[in-house]
Amino acid sequence: MLRLHAIPPPHENYGADEMKGANGHGVNYSVADMYGIISGFKHMQGNAPWNRIWNLHVTERVKSFIWLALHDRLITNHKKNRMGLGHAMCNYCGDISETELHVLRDCPLVMPLWLNVVDQSMRSDFSLGDIQQWISLNLCSSANGKEDIMWRNFWATSCHVIWMWRNMAEHDDHFQRPSTLELIIAKQINQYQQKVMMNTVSNKVARTEVMIYWKTPLEGWVKLNTDGAYKEGSVAGYVAELWGVLEGLRYARKLGFTRIELNVDSSVVDSVLRLEGKGSPLDVLANIGCTIDSDITYYEACPSECHLV
């Protein structure tokens, strides 16, 4: 009751009521915000493993692979044995169970790679922990690896390449592992990042800043500015613009003006009025000219083909 008594009643001097959330931000109030606060989801999503995986600067295939590894979804011999599909031992070691951690970190086939590329400051922790802890350790690292590549990107790509080569060795009797593993992995990452940069540059649209202001027409001319309004779902916007142009020109001619400078704010309408592009009357006449034999043809009336434009 004391809480209710402490709340002042509505009054015009107190301003309008507004919605406030538990976080104190009334402007961005929403059910989603409140749900995030109650569930605690927003506090964990920045450091969540899935968020770090999808923020890696690697191919989507590598991200998906790390996601599968994090959730113990790689089909190793250990997992196949639990399904009743053969032995659980590593095909190379022979006497050690082939788990995800063994394939990606502990197998003698991959240890030389990690010894060459893992920084001295990480080596003590690199060989410890289970698969989730190991993945989290490398995803959270901000160190640089080979050729100044971010370690987490180099590590994720290395894991994917290791798994890919493991499968190739198991299913292809003629496959031989390359000797310069770290150079091949670094090359893959650099190629991907170069492609990303090229796409970023190519997707940038060249923009030209044009100052919009009213210009006085030439002497003896009048200026007509038109605009169109339409009901959504009834006609296209440029059709309304064209109707605005038509009605504006009709009104100007009715007032006795013959020299009219027309201004519209639609580039589509502008191109249509200038008879540009495919399907314009000029384009139709050009097509007619390609089908007749004589050099010059005179028309007393508009060709029937142009009536459809």
Protein backbone atom coordinates (compact mmCIF):
# COMPACT_ATOMS: atom_id res chain seq x y z
CA MET A 1 0.00 0.00 0.00
CA LEU A 2 2.85 2.37 0.77
CA ARG A 3 4.24 1.83 -2.73
CA LEU A 4 0.89 2.60 -4.31
CA HIS A 5 0.50 5.65 -2.10
CA ALA A 6 3.93 6.92 -3.20
CA ILE A 7 2.96 6.90 -6.88
CA PRO A 8 1.64 10.37 -7.81
CA PRO A 9 -1.64 10.47 -9.76
CA PRO A 10 -1.60 11.63 -13.42
CA HIS A 11 -1.37 15.39 -13.87
CA GLU A 12 -0.88 17.57 -16.94
CA ASN A 13 2.11 19.28 -15.33
CA TYR A 14 3.93 15.94 -14.95
CA GLY A 15 4.08 15.31 -18.68
CA ALA A 16 2.75 12.43 -20.74
CA ASP A 17 3.11 8.84 -19.57
CA GLU A 18 5.73 6.74 -21.34
CA MET A 19 6.78 3.10 -21.21
CA LYS A 20 9.89 2.32 -19.19
CA GLY A 21 11.79 -0.94 -18.98
CA ALA A 22 13.84 -2.45 -16.20
CA ASN A 23 16.99 -1.24 -17.93
CA GLY A 24 15.83 2.36 -17.71
CA HIS A 25 15.76 2.96 -21.47
CA GLY A 26 12.28 4.12 -22.35
CA VAL A 27 13.03 4.93 -25.99
CA ASN A 28 13.95 1.39 -27.00
CA TYR A 29 11.40 -0.40 -24.85
CA SER A 30 10.16 -3.67 -26.34
CA VAL A 31 9.01 -7.10 -25.26
CA ALA A 32 12.21 -8.55 -26.76
CA ASP A 33 14.36 -6.28 -24.56
CA MET A 34 12.47 -7.28 -21.45
CA TYR A 35 12.71 -10.97 -22.33
CA GLY A 36 16.45 -10.61 -22.86
CA ILE A 37 16.89 -9.01 -19.43
CA ILE A 38 14.78 -11.63 -17.64
CA SER A 39 16.47 -14.59 -19.35
CA GLY A 40 19.97 -13.14 -19.08
CA PHE A 41 20.54 -13.93 -22.74
CA LYS A 42 21.95 -10.51 -23.60
CA HIS A 43 24.66 -10.80 -20.95
CA MET A 44 25.97 -14.07 -22.33
CA GLN A 45 25.62 -13.61 -26.07
CA GLY A 46 28.80 -11.53 -26.43
CA ASN A 47 30.97 -14.31 -24.98
CA ALA A 48 28.84 -17.23 -26.14
CA PRO A 49 30.80 -19.83 -28.15
CA TRP A 50 28.31 -19.70 -31.04
CA ASN A 51 28.76 -15.93 -31.30
CA ARG A 52 32.53 -16.27 -31.44
CA ILE A 53 32.30 -19.03 -34.05
CA TRP A 54 30.10 -17.03 -36.42
CA ASN A 55 32.36 -13.98 -36.01
CA LEU A 56 35.41 -15.86 -37.27
CA HIS A 57 36.91 -14.45 -40.48
CA VAL A 58 36.91 -17.81 -42.24
CA THR A 59 34.72 -19.58 -44.78
CA GLU A 60 31.22 -20.66 -43.81
CA ARG A 61 32.32 -24.28 -44.19
CA VAL A 62 34.95 -23.83 -41.49
CA LYS A 63 32.47 -22.12 -39.15
CA SER A 64 30.01 -24.98 -39.58
CA PHE A 65 32.77 -27.50 -38.91
CA ILE A 66 33.81 -25.82 -35.63
CA TRP A 67 30.14 -25.71 -34.61
CA LEU A 68 29.83 -29.45 -35.21
CA ALA A 69 33.04 -30.13 -33.28
CA LEU A 70 31.83 -28.05 -30.34
CA HIS A 71 28.68 -30.18 -30.13
CA ASP A 72 30.51 -33.51 -30.57
CA ARG A 73 29.00 -34.18 -34.00
CA LEU A 74 32.11 -35.34 -35.88
CA ILE A 75 31.86 -38.97 -36.98
CA THR A 76 35.10 -40.31 -35.49
CA ASN A 77 35.94 -44.01 -35.00
CA HIS A 78 35.07 -43.59 -31.32
CA LYS A 79 31.57 -42.40 -32.20
CA LYS A 80 31.10 -45.06 -34.88
CA ASN A 81 32.10 -47.73 -32.36
CA ARG A 82 29.37 -46.51 -30.01
CA MET A 83 26.96 -46.97 -32.91
CA GLY A 84 28.21 -50.51 -33.44
CA LEU A 85 30.03 -49.62 -36.67
CA GLY A 86 33.57 -50.88 -36.21
CA HIS A 87 36.51 -50.31 -33.86
CA ALA A 88 37.16 -47.14 -31.89
CA MET A 89 40.93 -46.92 -32.41
CA CYS A 90 42.82 -44.32 -34.41
CA ASN A 91 43.79 -45.76 -37.79
CA TYR A 92 47.28 -44.26 -37.45
CA CYS A 93 48.05 -44.90 -33.76
CA GLY A 94 46.29 -48.26 -33.54
CA ASP A 95 45.96 -48.39 -29.75
CA ILE A 96 44.36 -45.02 -28.88
CA SER A 97 40.66 -44.24 -29.14
CA GLU A 98 39.96 -41.81 -31.96
CA THR A 99 38.00 -39.04 -30.28
CA GLU A 100 37.53 -35.54 -31.66
CA LEU A 101 40.31 -34.23 -29.44
CA HIS A 102 42.67 -36.98 -30.57
CA VAL A 103 42.04 -36.28 -34.27
CA LEU A 104 42.36 -32.51 -34.01
CA ARG A 105 45.04 -32.09 -31.33
CA ASP A 106 46.72 -35.18 -29.86
CA CYS A 107 47.39 -37.48 -32.83
CA PRO A 108 51.10 -37.72 -33.81
CA LEU A 109 50.06 -36.80 -37.35
CA VAL A 110 48.98 -33.30 -36.28
CA MET A 111 51.26 -32.61 -33.31
CA PRO A 112 54.12 -31.31 -35.54
CA LEU A 113 51.76 -28.67 -36.96
CA TRP A 114 50.73 -27.39 -33.53
CA LEU A 115 54.34 -27.41 -32.27
CA ASN A 116 55.31 -25.16 -35.19
CA VAL A 117 52.48 -22.65 -34.95
CA VAL A 118 51.28 -22.48 -31.31
CA ASP A 119 52.74 -19.52 -29.46
CA GLN A 120 54.94 -20.25 -26.44
CA SER A 121 52.55 -18.38 -24.14
CA MET A 122 49.68 -20.73 -25.10
CA ARG A 123 51.46 -24.09 -25.11
CA SER A 124 50.88 -24.90 -21.45
CA ASP A 125 47.10 -24.49 -21.80
CA PHE A 126 46.82 -25.68 -25.39
CA SER A 127 47.22 -29.36 -24.52
CA LEU A 128 44.83 -29.31 -21.55
CA GLY A 129 41.07 -29.61 -21.16
CA ASP A 130 38.28 -31.39 -22.98
CA ILE A 131 37.04 -30.56 -26.47
CA GLN A 132 34.73 -27.74 -25.32
CA GLN A 133 37.43 -26.13 -23.18
CA TRP A 134 39.99 -26.48 -25.97
CA ILE A 135 37.68 -24.87 -28.53
CA SER A 136 36.77 -22.07 -26.12
CA LEU A 137 40.45 -21.39 -25.38
CA ASN A 138 41.29 -20.90 -29.04
CA LEU A 139 38.16 -18.94 -29.91
CA CYS A 140 38.86 -16.45 -27.11
CA SER A 141 42.48 -15.91 -28.11
CA SER A 142 43.39 -12.49 -29.49
CA ALA A 143 46.94 -13.46 -30.45
CA ASN A 144 48.34 -13.50 -33.97
CA GLY A 145 49.48 -16.66 -35.71
CA LYS A 146 51.44 -17.31 -38.88
CA GLU A 147 51.89 -14.31 -41.21
CA ASP A 148 50.07 -12.04 -38.71
CA ILE A 149 46.82 -13.96 -39.18
CA MET A 150 44.53 -13.90 -36.16
CA TRP A 151 45.18 -17.10 -34.23
CA ARG A 152 41.53 -18.06 -33.88
CA ASN A 153 41.10 -17.87 -37.66
CA PHE A 154 44.29 -19.87 -38.27
CA TRP A 155 43.34 -22.45 -35.66
CA ALA A 156 39.78 -22.94 -36.99
CA THR A 157 40.98 -23.37 -40.57
CA SER A 158 43.71 -25.75 -39.40
CA CYS A 159 41.17 -27.95 -37.62
CA HIS A 160 39.02 -28.14 -40.74
CA VAL A 161 42.02 -28.99 -42.94
CA ILE A 162 43.17 -31.67 -40.46
CA TRP A 163 39.74 -33.28 -40.52
CA MET A 164 39.53 -33.06 -44.31
CA TRP A 165 42.96 -34.69 -44.73
CA ARG A 166 42.05 -37.36 -42.18
CA ASN A 167 39.01 -38.32 -44.30
CA MET A 168 41.01 -38.26 -47.52
CA ALA A 169 43.67 -40.54 -46.02
CA GLU A 170 40.96 -42.95 -44.85
CA HIS A 171 39.13 -43.17 -48.18
CA ASP A 172 41.93 -42.58 -50.72
CA ASP A 173 44.82 -45.06 -50.71
CA HIS A 174 46.96 -42.75 -52.87
CA PHE A 175 46.57 -39.62 -50.71
CA GLN A 176 49.73 -38.17 -49.14
CA ARG A 177 49.69 -35.43 -46.54
CA PRO A 178 51.55 -32.27 -47.63
CA SER A 179 54.72 -31.50 -45.72
CA THR A 180 54.23 -27.72 -45.40
CA LEU A 181 50.90 -27.77 -43.57
CA GLU A 182 51.08 -24.31 -42.02
CA LEU A 183 51.93 -22.61 -45.35
CA ILE A 184 48.99 -24.26 -47.11
CA ILE A 185 46.62 -23.23 -44.32
CA ALA A 186 47.90 -19.64 -44.28
CA LYS A 187 47.48 -19.46 -48.06
CA GLN A 188 43.86 -20.58 -47.81
CA ILE A 189 43.07 -17.93 -45.20
CA ASN A 190 44.80 -15.16 -47.17
CA GLN A 191 42.94 -16.10 -50.35
CA TYR A 192 39.61 -16.02 -48.53
CA GLN A 193 40.31 -12.64 -46.91
CA GLN A 194 41.43 -11.17 -50.25
CA LYS A 195 38.16 -12.31 -51.85
CA VAL A 196 36.20 -10.74 -49.00
CA MET A 197 38.02 -7.43 -49.49
CA MET A 198 37.41 -7.52 -53.25
CA ASN A 199 33.70 -8.15 -52.72
CA THR A 200 33.52 -5.33 -50.19
CA VAL A 201 35.11 -2.88 -52.63
CA SER A 202 32.97 -4.02 -55.58
CA ASN A 203 29.76 -3.69 -53.55
CA LYS A 204 30.41 -0.06 -52.69
CA VAL A 205 28.13 2.13 -54.78
CA ALA A 206 29.60 5.33 -56.16
CA ARG A 207 27.45 8.16 -54.90
CA THR A 208 27.34 11.69 -56.24
CA GLU A 209 26.16 14.53 -54.06
CA VAL A 210 23.84 16.90 -55.90
CA MET A 211 22.65 20.11 -54.30
CA ILE A 212 18.89 20.46 -54.82
CA TYR A 213 17.67 24.01 -55.22
CA TRP A 214 15.28 25.98 -57.40
CA LYS A 215 16.78 27.57 -60.49
CA THR A 216 15.25 30.50 -62.30
CA PRO A 217 14.12 29.49 -65.82
CA LEU A 218 15.41 31.24 -68.91
CA GLU A 219 13.70 34.41 -70.06
CA GLY A 220 10.41 33.62 -71.78
CA TRP A 221 10.10 30.23 -70.12
CA VAL A 222 8.07 29.04 -67.13
CA LYS A 223 9.06 26.28 -64.77
CA LEU A 224 6.71 23.45 -63.86
CA ASN A 225 7.45 21.34 -60.77
CA THR A 226 5.31 18.23 -60.46
CA ASP A 227 4.90 15.42 -57.98
CA GLY A 228 2.55 12.46 -57.76
CA ALA A 229 0.70 10.77 -54.92
CA TYR A 230 -0.88 7.34 -55.01
CA LYS A 231 -2.69 4.89 -52.79
CA GLU A 232 -0.44 1.96 -51.89
CA GLY A 233 -1.41 -1.21 -53.70
CA SER A 234 -3.39 0.57 -56.43
CA VAL A 235 -0.75 1.68 -58.97
CA ALA A 236 3.02 1.92 -59.21
CA GLY A 237 4.68 5.07 -57.89
CA TYR A 238 6.09 6.14 -61.24
CA VAL A 239 2.58 5.92 -62.80
CA ALA A 240 1.38 8.50 -60.29
CA GLU A 241 4.41 10.63 -61.16
CA LEU A 242 3.50 10.41 -64.86
CA TRP A 243 -0.08 11.45 -64.14
CA GLY A 244 1.28 14.42 -62.21
CA VAL A 245 3.38 15.42 -65.21
CA LEU A 246 0.43 15.04 -67.59
CA GLU A 247 -1.98 17.07 -65.47
CA GLY A 248 0.66 19.72 -64.81
CA LEU A 249 1.42 20.16 -68.52
CA ARG A 250 -2.28 20.29 -69.35
CA TYR A 251 -2.82 23.03 -66.78
CA ALA A 252 0.20 25.02 -68.01
CA ARG A 253 -1.04 24.82 -71.62
CA LYS A 254 -4.50 25.84 -70.46
CA LEU A 255 -2.95 28.97 -68.96
CA GLY A 256 -1.41 29.75 -72.34
CA PHE A 257 2.22 28.80 -71.67
CA THR A 258 4.06 27.06 -74.50
CA ARG A 259 7.66 27.23 -73.31
CA ILE A 260 7.65 25.01 -70.25
CA GLU A 261 10.64 23.66 -68.33
CA LEU A 262 9.59 20.51 -66.46
CA ASN A 263 11.18 19.40 -63.17
CA VAL A 264 10.42 15.96 -61.68
CA ASP A 265 12.05 14.09 -58.79
CA SER A 266 11.89 10.61 -60.35
CA SER A 267 14.75 9.29 -62.50
CA VAL A 268 12.43 6.61 -63.93
CA VAL A 269 9.94 9.22 -65.10
CA ASP A 270 12.79 11.30 -66.47
CA SER A 271 14.08 8.41 -68.60
CA VAL A 272 10.56 7.61 -69.85
CA LEU A 273 9.94 11.22 -70.85
CA ARG A 274 13.29 11.39 -72.61
CA LEU A 275 12.26 8.30 -74.63
CA GLU A 276 15.24 6.31 -73.38
CA GLY A 277 15.65 2.60 -72.86
CA LYS A 278 14.19 -0.56 -74.26
CA GLY A 279 10.51 -0.32 -75.18
CA SER A 280 10.52 3.43 -75.78
CA PRO A 281 9.02 4.86 -79.03
CA LEU A 282 12.54 5.46 -80.35
CA ASP A 283 13.41 1.84 -79.68
CA VAL A 284 10.25 0.71 -81.50
CA LEU A 285 11.05 2.91 -84.52
CA ALA A 286 14.59 1.54 -84.60
CA ASN A 287 13.23 -2.00 -84.68
CA ILE A 288 10.86 -1.07 -87.54
CA GLY A 289 13.77 0.41 -89.46
CA CYS A 290 15.66 -2.87 -89.24
CA THR A 291 12.79 -4.73 -90.93
CA ILE A 292 12.17 -2.49 -93.99
CA ASP A 293 14.18 -2.52 -97.21
CA SER A 294 14.03 1.14 -98.26
CA ASP A 295 16.48 3.72 -96.95
CA ILE A 296 13.86 6.38 -96.01
CA THR A 297 10.21 5.81 -95.10
CA TYR A 298 7.72 8.61 -94.46
CA TYR A 299 4.71 8.15 -92.15
CA GLU A 300 1.66 10.41 -92.25
CA ALA A 301 0.50 8.98 -88.92
CA CYS A 302 2.12 7.29 -85.96
CA PRO A 303 2.96 3.62 -86.73
CA SER A 304 0.57 1.17 -85.10
CA GLU A 305 3.46 -0.48 -83.24
CA CYS A 306 4.05 2.73 -81.28
CA HIS A 307 0.48 2.79 -79.99
CA LEU A 308 1.33 -0.05 -77.62
CA VAL A 309 4.16 1.87 -75.97
